[in-house]
């Protein structure tokens, strides 16, 4: 494996030891591929995904803009779904990525959508 991937995996494992989502305060997990960004609200106690959004969703993919702009929309979309479920606070899990660019855009979008973390 690539050294960058190994470094990210180590950070992920270290973070996951400390960060866990509950039904009242789920984990907002972000995954970044080369082309898209995926966001999930996860309840680790029961092992279920409560809500998800990605830049591949039809309404977001139809928008014009950069990958960061679309990531921000994905963050806002998952925040809207969370408020429909009656959730207001989450634990942010950046999955070993640096808090920069698309990851930061997701966090800002979620905060604008009304989530607190």
PDB file of N, CA and C in Angstrom:
ATOM      1  N   UNK A   1       0.833  -1.193   0.000  1.00  0.00           N
ATOM      2  CA  UNK A   1       0.000   0.000   0.000  1.00  0.00           C
ATOM      3  C   UNK A   1       0.873   1.251   0.000  1.00  0.00           C
ATOM      4  N   UNK A   2       0.263   2.311  -0.427  1.00  0.00           N
ATOM      5  CA  UNK A   2       0.912   3.616  -0.486  1.00  0.00           C
ATOM      6  C   UNK A   2       1.129   4.156   0.939  1.00  0.00           C
ATOM      7  N   UNK A   3       2.211   4.862   1.146  1.00  0.00           N
ATOM      8  CA  UNK A   3       2.530   5.391   2.478  1.00  0.00           C
ATOM      9  C   UNK A   3       1.443   6.344   2.971  1.00  0.00           C
ATOM     10  N   UNK A   4       0.848   7.106   2.051  1.00  0.00           N
ATOM     11  CA  UNK A   4      -0.202   8.058   2.404  1.00  0.00           C
ATOM     12  C   UNK A   4      -1.452   7.323   2.915  1.00  0.00           C
ATOM     13  N   UNK A   5      -1.778   6.213   2.265  1.00  0.00           N
ATOM     14  CA  UNK A   5      -2.942   5.414   2.650  1.00  0.00           C
ATOM     15  C   UNK A   5      -2.720   4.787   4.024  1.00  0.00           C
ATOM     16  N   UNK A   6      -1.531   4.259   4.256  1.00  0.00           N
ATOM     17  CA  UNK A   6      -1.201   3.646   5.549  1.00  0.00           C
ATOM     18  C   UNK A   6      -1.296   4.685   6.663  1.00  0.00           C
ATOM     19  N   UNK A   7      -0.767   5.881   6.416  1.00  0.00           N
ATOM     20  CA  UNK A   7      -0.815   6.963   7.400  1.00  0.00           C
ATOM     21  C   UNK A   7      -2.264   7.297   7.743  1.00  0.00           C
ATOM     22  N   UNK A   8      -3.118   7.394   6.728  1.00  0.00           N
ATOM     23  CA  UNK A   8      -4.531   7.709   6.951  1.00  0.00           C
ATOM     24  C   UNK A   8      -5.220   6.597   7.738  1.00  0.00           C
ATOM     25  N   UNK A   9      -4.908   5.345   7.430  1.00  0.00           N
ATOM     26  CA  UNK A   9      -5.499   4.218   8.148  1.00  0.00           C
ATOM     27  C   UNK A   9      -5.129   4.260   9.628  1.00  0.00           C
ATOM     28  N   UNK A  10      -3.877   4.552   9.927  1.00  0.00           N
ATOM     29  CA  UNK A  10      -3.431   4.640  11.323  1.00  0.00           C
ATOM     30  C   UNK A  10      -4.187   5.731  12.070  1.00  0.00           C
ATOM     31  N   UNK A  11      -4.359   6.884  11.411  1.00  0.00           N
ATOM     32  CA  UNK A  11      -5.085   7.986  12.023  1.00  0.00           C
ATOM     33  C   UNK A  11      -6.541   7.573  12.252  1.00  0.00           C
ATOM     34  N   UNK A  12      -7.142   6.884  11.260  1.00  0.00           N
ATOM     35  CA  UNK A  12      -8.527   6.421  11.373  1.00  0.00           C
ATOM     36  C   UNK A  12      -8.697   5.496  12.561  1.00  0.00           C
ATOM     37  N   UNK A  13      -7.813   4.509  12.695  1.00  0.00           N
ATOM     38  CA  UNK A  13      -7.920   3.546  13.795  1.00  0.00           C
ATOM     39  C   UNK A  13      -7.758   4.239  15.141  1.00  0.00           C
ATOM     40  N   UNK A  14      -6.821   5.181  15.216  1.00  0.00           N
ATOM     41  CA  UNK A  14      -6.584   5.905  16.461  1.00  0.00           C
ATOM     42  C   UNK A  14      -7.817   6.727  16.842  1.00  0.00           C
ATOM     43  N   UNK A  15      -8.418   7.371  15.851  1.00  0.00           N
ATOM     44  CA  UNK A  15      -9.598   8.193  16.101  1.00  0.00           C
ATOM     45  C   UNK A  15     -10.792   7.344  16.500  1.00  0.00           C
ATOM     46  N   UNK A  16     -10.976   6.204  15.830  1.00  0.00           N
ATOM     47  CA  UNK A  16     -12.135   5.357  16.077  1.00  0.00           C
ATOM     48  C   UNK A  16     -12.116   4.715  17.461  1.00  0.00           C
ATOM     49  N   UNK A  17     -10.926   4.645  18.076  1.00  0.00           N
ATOM     50  CA  UNK A  17     -10.856   4.155  19.455  1.00  0.00           C
ATOM     51  C   UNK A  17     -11.567   5.115  20.392  1.00  0.00           C
ATOM     52  N   UNK A  18     -11.515   6.412  20.066  1.00  0.00           N
ATOM     53  CA  UNK A  18     -12.053   7.443  20.948  1.00  0.00           C
ATOM     54  C   UNK A  18     -13.445   7.910  20.542  1.00  0.00           C
ATOM     55  N   UNK A  19     -13.734   7.923  19.222  1.00  0.00           N
ATOM     56  CA  UNK A  19     -14.965   8.504  18.709  1.00  0.00           C
ATOM     57  C   UNK A  19     -15.968   7.414  18.375  1.00  0.00           C
ATOM     58  N   UNK A  20     -17.151   7.492  18.976  1.00  0.00           N
ATOM     59  CA  UNK A  20     -18.230   6.552  18.661  1.00  0.00           C
ATOM     60  C   UNK A  20     -19.549   7.292  18.675  1.00  0.00           C
ATOM     61  N   UNK A  21     -20.445   6.923  17.765  1.00  0.00           N
ATOM     62  CA  UNK A  21     -21.747   7.557  17.676  1.00  0.00           C
ATOM     63  C   UNK A  21     -22.786   6.808  18.488  1.00  0.00           C
ATOM     64  N   UNK A  22     -23.724   7.529  19.051  1.00  0.00           N
ATOM     65  CA  UNK A  22     -24.839   6.945  19.789  1.00  0.00           C
ATOM     66  C   UNK A  22     -26.129   7.308  19.044  1.00  0.00           C
ATOM     67  N   UNK A  23     -27.264   6.686  19.413  1.00  0.00           N
ATOM     68  CA  UNK A  23     -28.514   7.065  18.739  1.00  0.00           C
ATOM     69  C   UNK A  23     -28.857   8.552  18.902  1.00  0.00           C
ATOM     70  N   UNK A  24     -28.501   9.153  20.069  1.00  0.00           N
ATOM     71  CA  UNK A  24     -28.803  10.566  20.295  1.00  0.00           C
ATOM     72  C   UNK A  24     -27.752  11.487  19.674  1.00  0.00           C
ATOM     73  N   UNK A  25     -26.499  11.007  19.593  1.00  0.00           N
ATOM     74  CA  UNK A  25     -25.397  11.820  19.060  1.00  0.00           C
ATOM     75  C   UNK A  25     -24.584  10.955  18.095  1.00  0.00           C
ATOM     76  N   UNK A  26     -25.065  10.824  16.845  1.00  0.00           N
ATOM     77  CA  UNK A  26     -24.395   9.933  15.892  1.00  0.00           C
ATOM     78  C   UNK A  26     -23.065  10.492  15.392  1.00  0.00           C
ATOM     79  N   UNK A  27     -22.309   9.613  14.755  1.00  0.00           N
ATOM     80  CA  UNK A  27     -21.008   9.984  14.182  1.00  0.00           C
ATOM     81  C   UNK A  27     -21.227  10.434  12.749  1.00  0.00           C
ATOM     82  N   UNK A  28     -20.736  11.622  12.413  1.00  0.00           N
ATOM     83  CA  UNK A  28     -20.813  12.149  11.049  1.00  0.00           C
ATOM     84  C   UNK A  28     -19.520  11.750  10.352  1.00  0.00           C
ATOM     85  N   UNK A  29     -19.591  10.666   9.575  1.00  0.00           N
ATOM     86  CA  UNK A  29     -18.410  10.117   8.927  1.00  0.00           C
ATOM     87  C   UNK A  29     -18.313  10.616   7.490  1.00  0.00           C
ATOM     88  N   UNK A  30     -17.111  11.009   7.074  1.00  0.00           N
ATOM     89  CA  UNK A  30     -16.882  11.530   5.727  1.00  0.00           C
ATOM     90  C   UNK A  30     -15.919  10.609   4.995  1.00  0.00           C
ATOM     91  N   UNK A  31     -16.261  10.254   3.757  1.00  0.00           N
ATOM     92  CA  UNK A  31     -15.347   9.508   2.891  1.00  0.00           C
ATOM     93  C   UNK A  31     -15.145  10.311   1.627  1.00  0.00           C
ATOM     94  N   UNK A  32     -13.912  10.407   1.190  1.00  0.00           N
ATOM     95  CA  UNK A  32     -13.562  11.210   0.028  1.00  0.00           C
ATOM     96  C   UNK A  32     -12.907  10.312  -1.011  1.00  0.00           C
ATOM     97  N   UNK A  33     -13.543  10.151  -2.157  1.00  0.00           N
ATOM     98  CA  UNK A  33     -12.905   9.433  -3.253  1.00  0.00           C
ATOM     99  C   UNK A  33     -12.324  10.489  -4.193  1.00  0.00           C
ATOM    100  N   UNK A  34     -11.702  10.051  -5.280  1.00  0.00           N
ATOM    101  CA  UNK A  34     -11.128  11.034  -6.203  1.00  0.00           C
ATOM    102  C   UNK A  34     -12.195  11.927  -6.823  1.00  0.00           C
ATOM    103  N   UNK A  35     -13.367  11.359  -7.079  1.00  0.00           N
ATOM    104  CA  UNK A  35     -14.394  12.128  -7.781  1.00  0.00           C
ATOM    105  C   UNK A  35     -15.536  12.616  -6.889  1.00  0.00           C
ATOM    106  N   UNK A  36     -15.839  11.894  -5.810  1.00  0.00           N
ATOM    107  CA  UNK A  36     -17.014  12.219  -5.013  1.00  0.00           C
ATOM    108  C   UNK A  36     -16.719  12.258  -3.517  1.00  0.00           C
ATOM    109  N   UNK A  37     -17.688  12.791  -2.770  1.00  0.00           N
ATOM    110  CA  UNK A  37     -17.607  12.848  -1.316  1.00  0.00           C
ATOM    111  C   UNK A  37     -18.880  12.222  -0.753  1.00  0.00           C
ATOM    112  N   UNK A  38     -18.735  11.357   0.240  1.00  0.00           N
ATOM    113  CA  UNK A  38     -19.870  10.663   0.847  1.00  0.00           C
ATOM    114  C   UNK A  38     -19.925  10.996   2.328  1.00  0.00           C
ATOM    115  N   UNK A  39     -21.120  11.256   2.850  1.00  0.00           N
ATOM    116  CA  UNK A  39     -21.310  11.621   4.246  1.00  0.00           C
ATOM    117  C   UNK A  39     -22.374  10.707   4.846  1.00  0.00           C
ATOM    118  N   UNK A  40     -22.108  10.171   6.046  1.00  0.00           N
ATOM    119  CA  UNK A  40     -23.062   9.295   6.710  1.00  0.00           C
ATOM    120  C   UNK A  40     -23.210   9.681   8.175  1.00  0.00           C
ATOM    121  N   UNK A  41     -24.419   9.517   8.691  1.00  0.00           N
ATOM    122  CA  UNK A  41     -24.667   9.628  10.128  1.00  0.00           C
ATOM    123  C   UNK A  41     -24.794   8.213  10.656  1.00  0.00           C
ATOM    124  N   UNK A  42     -23.866   7.803  11.532  1.00  0.00           N
ATOM    125  CA  UNK A  42     -23.786   6.412  11.975  1.00  0.00           C
ATOM    126  C   UNK A  42     -24.020   6.297  13.475  1.00  0.00           C
ATOM    127  N   UNK A  43     -24.886   5.348  13.831  1.00  0.00           N
ATOM    128  CA  UNK A  43     -25.110   4.979  15.238  1.00  0.00           C
ATOM    129  C   UNK A  43     -24.275   3.724  15.477  1.00  0.00           C
ATOM    130  N   UNK A  44     -23.139   3.871  16.159  1.00  0.00           N
ATOM    131  CA  UNK A  44     -22.220   2.751  16.370  1.00  0.00           C
ATOM    132  C   UNK A  44     -22.723   1.755  17.414  1.00  0.00           C
ATOM    133  N   UNK A  45     -23.626   2.185  18.298  1.00  0.00           N
ATOM    134  CA  UNK A  45     -24.146   1.287  19.322  1.00  0.00           C
ATOM    135  C   UNK A  45     -24.947   0.159  18.673  1.00  0.00           C
ATOM    136  N   UNK A  46     -25.844   0.527  17.759  1.00  0.00           N
ATOM    137  CA  UNK A  46     -26.669  -0.461  17.064  1.00  0.00           C
ATOM    138  C   UNK A  46     -26.088  -0.873  15.712  1.00  0.00           C
ATOM    139  N   UNK A  47     -25.030  -0.189  15.268  1.00  0.00           N
ATOM    140  CA  UNK A  47     -24.380  -0.524  14.005  1.00  0.00           C
ATOM    141  C   UNK A  47     -25.226  -0.217  12.790  1.00  0.00           C
ATOM    142  N   UNK A  48     -25.913   0.929  12.801  1.00  0.00           N
ATOM    143  CA  UNK A  48     -26.759   1.296  11.668  1.00  0.00           C
ATOM    144  C   UNK A  48     -26.445   2.705  11.162  1.00  0.00           C
ATOM    145  N   UNK A  49     -26.680   2.913   9.868  1.00  0.00           N
ATOM    146  CA  UNK A  49     -26.556   4.231   9.271  1.00  0.00           C
ATOM    147  C   UNK A  49     -27.925   4.900   9.348  1.00  0.00           C
ATOM    148  N   UNK A  50     -27.976   6.065   9.991  1.00  0.00           N
ATOM    149  CA  UNK A  50     -29.243   6.762  10.182  1.00  0.00           C
ATOM    150  C   UNK A  50     -29.617   7.605   8.969  1.00  0.00           C
ATOM    151  N   UNK A  51     -28.627   8.252   8.345  1.00  0.00           N
ATOM    152  CA  UNK A  51     -28.871   9.086   7.166  1.00  0.00           C
ATOM    153  C   UNK A  51     -27.579   9.196   6.382  1.00  0.00           C
ATOM    154  N   UNK A  52     -27.715   9.459   5.079  1.00  0.00           N
ATOM    155  CA  UNK A  52     -26.521   9.625   4.267  1.00  0.00           C
ATOM    156  C   UNK A  52     -26.792  10.603   3.142  1.00  0.00           C
ATOM    157  N   UNK A  53     -25.714  11.156   2.613  1.00  0.00           N
ATOM    158  CA  UNK A  53     -25.792  12.049   1.458  1.00  0.00           C
ATOM    159  C   UNK A  53     -24.451  11.964   0.745  1.00  0.00           C
ATOM    160  N   UNK A  54     -24.463  12.248  -0.541  1.00  0.00           N
ATOM    161  CA  UNK A  54     -23.208  12.256  -1.280  1.00  0.00           C
ATOM    162  C   UNK A  54     -23.297  13.221  -2.442  1.00  0.00           C
ATOM    163  N   UNK A  55     -22.172  13.493  -3.052  1.00  0.00           N
ATOM    164  CA  UNK A  55     -22.148  14.379  -4.206  1.00  0.00           C
ATOM    165  C   UNK A  55     -22.699  13.671  -5.437  1.00  0.00           C
ATOM    166  N   UNK A  56     -23.026  12.386  -5.320  1.00  0.00           N
ATOM    167  CA  UNK A  56     -23.619  11.646  -6.434  1.00  0.00           C
ATOM    168  C   UNK A  56     -25.142  11.728  -6.431  1.00  0.00           C
ATOM    169  N   UNK A  57     -25.744  12.255  -5.348  1.00  0.00           N
ATOM    170  CA  UNK A  57     -27.194  12.429  -5.307  1.00  0.00           C
ATOM    171  C   UNK A  57     -27.611  13.326  -6.469  1.00  0.00           C
ATOM    172  N   UNK A  58     -28.756  13.022  -7.068  1.00  0.00           N
ATOM    173  CA  UNK A  58     -29.175  13.709  -8.292  1.00  0.00           C
ATOM    174  C   UNK A  58     -29.237  15.227  -8.155  1.00  0.00           C
ATOM    175  N   UNK A  59     -29.814  15.703  -7.043  1.00  0.00           N
ATOM    176  CA  UNK A  59     -29.954  17.156  -6.870  1.00  0.00           C
ATOM    177  C   UNK A  59     -28.606  17.850  -6.697  1.00  0.00           C
ATOM    178  N   UNK A  60     -27.639  17.176  -6.083  1.00  0.00           N
ATOM    179  CA  UNK A  60     -26.310  17.769  -5.879  1.00  0.00           C
ATOM    180  C   UNK A  60     -25.458  17.644  -7.134  1.00  0.00           C
ATOM    181  N   UNK A  61     -25.512  16.482  -7.793  1.00  0.00           N
ATOM    182  CA  UNK A  61     -24.711  16.261  -8.998  1.00  0.00           C
ATOM    183  C   UNK A  61     -25.127  17.198 -10.123  1.00  0.00           C
ATOM    184  N   UNK A  62     -26.393  17.623 -10.133  1.00  0.00           N
ATOM    185  CA  UNK A  62     -26.887  18.513 -11.182  1.00  0.00           C
ATOM    186  C   UNK A  62     -26.362  19.943 -11.029  1.00  0.00           C
ATOM    187  N   UNK A  63     -25.884  20.271  -9.820  1.00  0.00           N
ATOM    188  CA  UNK A  63     -25.376  21.624  -9.570  1.00  0.00           C
ATOM    189  C   UNK A  63     -24.044  21.831 -10.282  1.00  0.00           C
ATOM    190  N   UNK A  64     -23.815  23.069 -10.704  1.00  0.00           N
ATOM    191  CA  UNK A  64     -22.512  23.413 -11.269  1.00  0.00           C
ATOM    192  C   UNK A  64     -21.611  23.870 -10.132  1.00  0.00           C
ATOM    193  N   UNK A  65     -20.321  23.638 -10.267  1.00  0.00           N
ATOM    194  CA  UNK A  65     -19.398  24.093  -9.237  1.00  0.00           C
ATOM    195  C   UNK A  65     -18.273  23.107  -9.024  1.00  0.00           C
ATOM    196  N   UNK A  66     -17.372  23.467  -8.110  1.00  0.00           N
ATOM    197  CA  UNK A  66     -16.221  22.633  -7.827  1.00  0.00           C
ATOM    198  C   UNK A  66     -16.625  21.475  -6.919  1.00  0.00           C
ATOM    199  N   UNK A  67     -15.705  20.540  -6.718  1.00  0.00           N
ATOM    200  CA  UNK A  67     -15.966  19.412  -5.825  1.00  0.00           C
ATOM    201  C   UNK A  67     -16.200  19.905  -4.396  1.00  0.00           C
ATOM    202  N   UNK A  68     -15.495  20.958  -4.000  1.00  0.00           N
ATOM    203  CA  UNK A  68     -15.691  21.516  -2.653  1.00  0.00           C
ATOM    204  C   UNK A  68     -17.084  22.118  -2.502  1.00  0.00           C
ATOM    205  N   UNK A  69     -17.557  22.796  -3.546  1.00  0.00           N
ATOM    206  CA  UNK A  69     -18.905  23.374  -3.497  1.00  0.00           C
ATOM    207  C   UNK A  69     -19.947  22.276  -3.326  1.00  0.00           C
ATOM    208  N   UNK A  70     -19.784  21.185  -4.079  1.00  0.00           N
ATOM    209  CA  UNK A  70     -20.732  20.076  -4.002  1.00  0.00           C
ATOM    210  C   UNK A  70     -20.646  19.373  -2.647  1.00  0.00           C
ATOM    211  N   UNK A  71     -19.437  19.303  -2.078  1.00  0.00           N
ATOM    212  CA  UNK A  71     -19.264  18.693  -0.761  1.00  0.00           C
ATOM    213  C   UNK A  71     -20.015  19.489   0.298  1.00  0.00           C
ATOM    214  N   UNK A  72     -19.999  20.802   0.160  1.00  0.00           N
ATOM    215  CA  UNK A  72     -20.718  21.657   1.097  1.00  0.00           C
ATOM    216  C   UNK A  72     -22.218  21.379   1.006  1.00  0.00           C
ATOM    217  N   UNK A  73     -22.715  21.176  -0.226  1.00  0.00           N
ATOM    218  CA  UNK A  73     -24.128  20.847  -0.424  1.00  0.00           C
ATOM    219  C   UNK A  73     -24.468  19.496   0.206  1.00  0.00           C
ATOM    220  N   UNK A  74     -23.534  18.539   0.115  1.00  0.00           N
ATOM    221  CA  UNK A  74     -23.749  17.217   0.730  1.00  0.00           C
ATOM    222  C   UNK A  74     -23.839  17.361   2.248  1.00  0.00           C
ATOM    223  N   UNK A  75     -22.998  18.212   2.829  1.00  0.00           N
ATOM    224  CA  UNK A  75     -23.045  18.466   4.268  1.00  0.00           C
ATOM    225  C   UNK A  75     -24.369  19.082   4.689  1.00  0.00           C
ATOM    226  N   UNK A  76     -24.857  20.023   3.887  1.00  0.00           N
ATOM    227  CA  UNK A  76     -26.142  20.659   4.176  1.00  0.00           C
ATOM    228  C   UNK A  76     -27.280  19.648   4.057  1.00  0.00           C
ATOM    229  N   UNK A  77     -27.199  18.756   3.036  1.00  0.00           N
ATOM    230  CA  UNK A  77     -28.242  17.752   2.817  1.00  0.00           C
ATOM    231  C   UNK A  77     -28.324  16.776   3.987  1.00  0.00           C
ATOM    232  N   UNK A  78     -27.157  16.329   4.499  1.00  0.00           N
ATOM    233  CA  UNK A  78     -27.172  15.384   5.613  1.00  0.00           C
ATOM    234  C   UNK A  78     -27.661  16.079   6.890  1.00  0.00           C
ATOM    235  N   UNK A  79     -27.384  17.377   7.017  1.00  0.00           N
ATOM    236  CA  UNK A  79     -27.879  18.132   8.179  1.00  0.00           C
ATOM    237  C   UNK A  79     -29.400  18.240   8.126  1.00  0.00           C
ATOM    238  N   UNK A  80     -29.933  18.446   6.933  1.00  0.00           N
ATOM    239  CA  UNK A  80     -31.392  18.533   6.771  1.00  0.00           C
ATOM    240  C   UNK A  80     -32.045  17.193   7.140  1.00  0.00           C
ATOM    241  N   UNK A  81     -31.444  16.086   6.702  1.00  0.00           N
ATOM    242  CA  UNK A  81     -31.976  14.760   7.022  1.00  0.00           C
ATOM    243  C   UNK A  81     -31.888  14.489   8.527  1.00  0.00           C
ATOM    244  N   UNK A  82     -30.818  14.993   9.155  1.00  0.00           N
ATOM    245  CA  UNK A  82     -30.644  14.797  10.601  1.00  0.00           C
ATOM    246  C   UNK A  82     -31.714  15.544  11.383  1.00  0.00           C
ATOM    247  N   UNK A  83     -32.017  16.778  10.974  1.00  0.00           N
ATOM    248  CA  UNK A  83     -33.035  17.543  11.690  1.00  0.00           C
ATOM    249  C   UNK A  83     -34.416  16.914  11.507  1.00  0.00           C
ATOM    250  N   UNK A  84     -34.648  16.269  10.346  1.00  0.00           N
ATOM    251  CA  UNK A  84     -35.909  15.545  10.146  1.00  0.00           C
ATOM    252  C   UNK A  84     -36.020  14.366  11.118  1.00  0.00           C
ATOM    253  N   UNK A  85     -34.865  13.773  11.457  1.00  0.00           N
ATOM    254  CA  UNK A  85     -34.844  12.670  12.425  1.00  0.00           C
ATOM    255  C   UNK A  85     -34.843  13.167  13.868  1.00  0.00           C
ATOM    256  N   UNK A  86     -34.768  14.490  14.044  1.00  0.00           N
ATOM    257  CA  UNK A  86     -34.777  15.062  15.384  1.00  0.00           C
ATOM    258  C   UNK A  86     -33.405  15.102  16.035  1.00  0.00           C
ATOM    259  N   UNK A  87     -32.343  15.095  15.227  1.00  0.00           N
ATOM    260  CA  UNK A  87     -30.973  15.146  15.746  1.00  0.00           C
ATOM    261  C   UNK A  87     -30.395  16.538  15.545  1.00  0.00           C
ATOM    262  N   UNK A  88     -29.696  17.046  16.574  1.00  0.00           N
ATOM    263  CA  UNK A  88     -29.102  18.372  16.445  1.00  0.00           C
ATOM    264  C   UNK A  88     -27.590  18.356  16.693  1.00  0.00           C
ATOM    265  N   UNK A  89     -27.098  17.362  17.430  1.00  0.00           N
ATOM    266  CA  UNK A  89     -25.661  17.288  17.701  1.00  0.00           C
ATOM    267  C   UNK A  89     -25.084  15.999  17.139  1.00  0.00           C
ATOM    268  N   UNK A  90     -23.861  16.095  16.615  1.00  0.00           N
ATOM    269  CA  UNK A  90     -23.162  14.937  16.066  1.00  0.00           C
ATOM    270  C   UNK A  90     -21.697  14.971  16.495  1.00  0.00           C
ATOM    271  N   UNK A  91     -21.007  13.844  16.286  1.00  0.00           N
ATOM    272  CA  UNK A  91     -19.567  13.776  16.502  1.00  0.00           C
ATOM    273  C   UNK A  91     -18.945  13.724  15.119  1.00  0.00           C
ATOM    274  N   UNK A  92     -18.057  14.656  14.796  1.00  0.00           N
ATOM    275  CA  UNK A  92     -17.465  14.719  13.454  1.00  0.00           C
ATOM    276  C   UNK A  92     -16.291  13.760  13.346  1.00  0.00           C
ATOM    277  N   UNK A  93     -16.339  12.892  12.333  1.00  0.00           N
ATOM    278  CA  UNK A  93     -15.268  11.923  12.081  1.00  0.00           C
ATOM    279  C   UNK A  93     -14.719  12.190  10.681  1.00  0.00           C
ATOM    280  N   UNK A  94     -13.531  12.771  10.630  1.00  0.00           N
ATOM    281  CA  UNK A  94     -12.962  13.124   9.334  1.00  0.00           C
ATOM    282  C   UNK A  94     -12.235  11.964   8.664  1.00  0.00           C
ATOM    283  N   UNK A  95     -12.262  10.794   9.271  1.00  0.00           N
ATOM    284  CA  UNK A  95     -11.714   9.554   8.688  1.00  0.00           C
ATOM    285  C   UNK A  95     -10.248   9.647   8.299  1.00  0.00           C
ATOM    286  N   UNK A  96      -9.467  10.352   9.078  1.00  0.00           N
ATOM    287  CA  UNK A  96      -8.030  10.419   8.818  1.00  0.00           C
ATOM    288  C   UNK A  96      -7.617  11.461   7.801  1.00  0.00           C
ATOM    289  N   UNK A  97      -8.581  12.133   7.188  1.00  0.00           N
ATOM    290  CA  UNK A  97      -8.250  13.188   6.219  1.00  0.00           C
ATOM    291  C   UNK A  97      -7.926  14.464   6.975  1.00  0.00           C
ATOM    292  N   UNK A  98      -7.134  15.328   6.350  1.00  0.00           N
ATOM    293  CA  UNK A  98      -6.836  16.618   6.946  1.00  0.00           C
ATOM    294  C   UNK A  98      -8.085  17.490   6.895  1.00  0.00           C
ATOM    295  N   UNK A  99      -8.283  18.320   7.911  1.00  0.00           N
ATOM    296  CA  UNK A  99      -9.439  19.220   7.951  1.00  0.00           C
ATOM    297  C   UNK A  99      -9.145  20.384   7.013  1.00  0.00           C
ATOM    298  N   UNK A 100      -9.398  20.138   5.724  1.00  0.00           N
ATOM    299  CA  UNK A 100      -9.045  21.101   4.693  1.00  0.00           C
ATOM    300  C   UNK A 100      -9.812  20.738   3.433  1.00  0.00           C
ATOM    301  N   UNK A 101     -10.112  21.705   2.606  1.00  0.00           N
ATOM    302  CA  UNK A 101     -10.734  21.422   1.316  1.00  0.00           C
ATOM    303  C   UNK A 101     -12.126  20.839   1.440  1.00  0.00           C
ATOM    304  N   UNK A 102     -12.341  19.657   0.826  1.00  0.00           N
ATOM    305  CA  UNK A 102     -13.677  19.050   0.787  1.00  0.00           C
ATOM    306  C   UNK A 102     -14.183  18.642   2.169  1.00  0.00           C
ATOM    307  N   UNK A 103     -13.276  18.186   3.044  1.00  0.00           N
ATOM    308  CA  UNK A 103     -13.680  17.776   4.395  1.00  0.00           C
ATOM    309  C   UNK A 103     -14.179  18.996   5.175  1.00  0.00           C
ATOM    310  N   UNK A 104     -13.449  20.092   5.053  1.00  0.00           N
ATOM    311  CA  UNK A 104     -13.840  21.332   5.719  1.00  0.00           C
ATOM    312  C   UNK A 104     -15.167  21.842   5.151  1.00  0.00           C
ATOM    313  N   UNK A 105     -15.359  21.693   3.834  1.00  0.00           N
ATOM    314  CA  UNK A 105     -16.592  22.142   3.184  1.00  0.00           C
ATOM    315  C   UNK A 105     -17.796  21.366   3.704  1.00  0.00           C
ATOM    316  N   UNK A 106     -17.621  20.044   3.905  1.00  0.00           N
ATOM    317  CA  UNK A 106     -18.704  19.222   4.456  1.00  0.00           C
ATOM    318  C   UNK A 106     -19.064  19.717   5.854  1.00  0.00           C
ATOM    319  N   UNK A 107     -18.054  19.972   6.678  1.00  0.00           N
ATOM    320  CA  UNK A 107     -18.290  20.427   8.049  1.00  0.00           C
ATOM    321  C   UNK A 107     -19.008  21.776   8.061  1.00  0.00           C
ATOM    322  N   UNK A 108     -18.573  22.688   7.202  1.00  0.00           N
ATOM    323  CA  UNK A 108     -19.214  24.010   7.154  1.00  0.00           C
ATOM    324  C   UNK A 108     -20.659  23.899   6.682  1.00  0.00           C
ATOM    325  N   UNK A 109     -20.897  23.045   5.669  1.00  0.00           N
ATOM    326  CA  UNK A 109     -22.255  22.829   5.185  1.00  0.00           C
ATOM    327  C   UNK A 109     -23.159  22.250   6.242  1.00  0.00           C
ATOM    328  N   UNK A 110     -22.631  21.289   7.016  1.00  0.00           N
ATOM    329  CA  UNK A 110     -23.420  20.675   8.085  1.00  0.00           C
ATOM    330  C   UNK A 110     -23.735  21.692   9.181  1.00  0.00           C
ATOM    331  N   UNK A 111     -22.769  22.534   9.504  1.00  0.00           N
ATOM    332  CA  UNK A 111     -22.999  23.555  10.537  1.00  0.00           C
ATOM    333  C   UNK A 111     -24.043  24.554  10.057  1.00  0.00           C
ATOM    334  N   UNK A 112     -23.961  24.949   8.772  1.00  0.00           N
ATOM    335  CA  UNK A 112     -24.954  25.897   8.228  1.00  0.00           C
ATOM    336  C   UNK A 112     -26.345  25.258   8.212  1.00  0.00           C
ATOM    337  N   UNK A 113     -26.374  23.915   8.030  1.00  0.00           N
ATOM    338  CA  UNK A 113     -27.641  23.203   8.036  1.00  0.00           C
ATOM    339  C   UNK A 113     -28.250  23.048   9.417  1.00  0.00           C
ATOM    340  N   UNK A 114     -27.503  23.410  10.462  1.00  0.00           N
ATOM    341  CA  UNK A 114     -28.048  23.400  11.813  1.00  0.00           C
ATOM    342  C   UNK A 114     -27.469  22.346  12.740  1.00  0.00           C
ATOM    343  N   UNK A 115     -26.467  21.579  12.294  1.00  0.00           N
ATOM    344  CA  UNK A 115     -25.850  20.591  13.177  1.00  0.00           C
ATOM    345  C   UNK A 115     -24.796  21.243  14.058  1.00  0.00           C
ATOM    346  N   UNK A 116     -24.641  20.697  15.266  1.00  0.00           N
ATOM    347  CA  UNK A 116     -23.623  21.206  16.194  1.00  0.00           C
ATOM    348  C   UNK A 116     -22.618  20.095  16.465  1.00  0.00           C
ATOM    349  N   UNK A 117     -21.327  20.445  16.377  1.00  0.00           N
ATOM    350  CA  UNK A 117     -20.267  19.507  16.761  1.00  0.00           C
ATOM    351  C   UNK A 117     -19.005  20.246  17.083  1.00  0.00           C
TER     352      UNK A 117
END
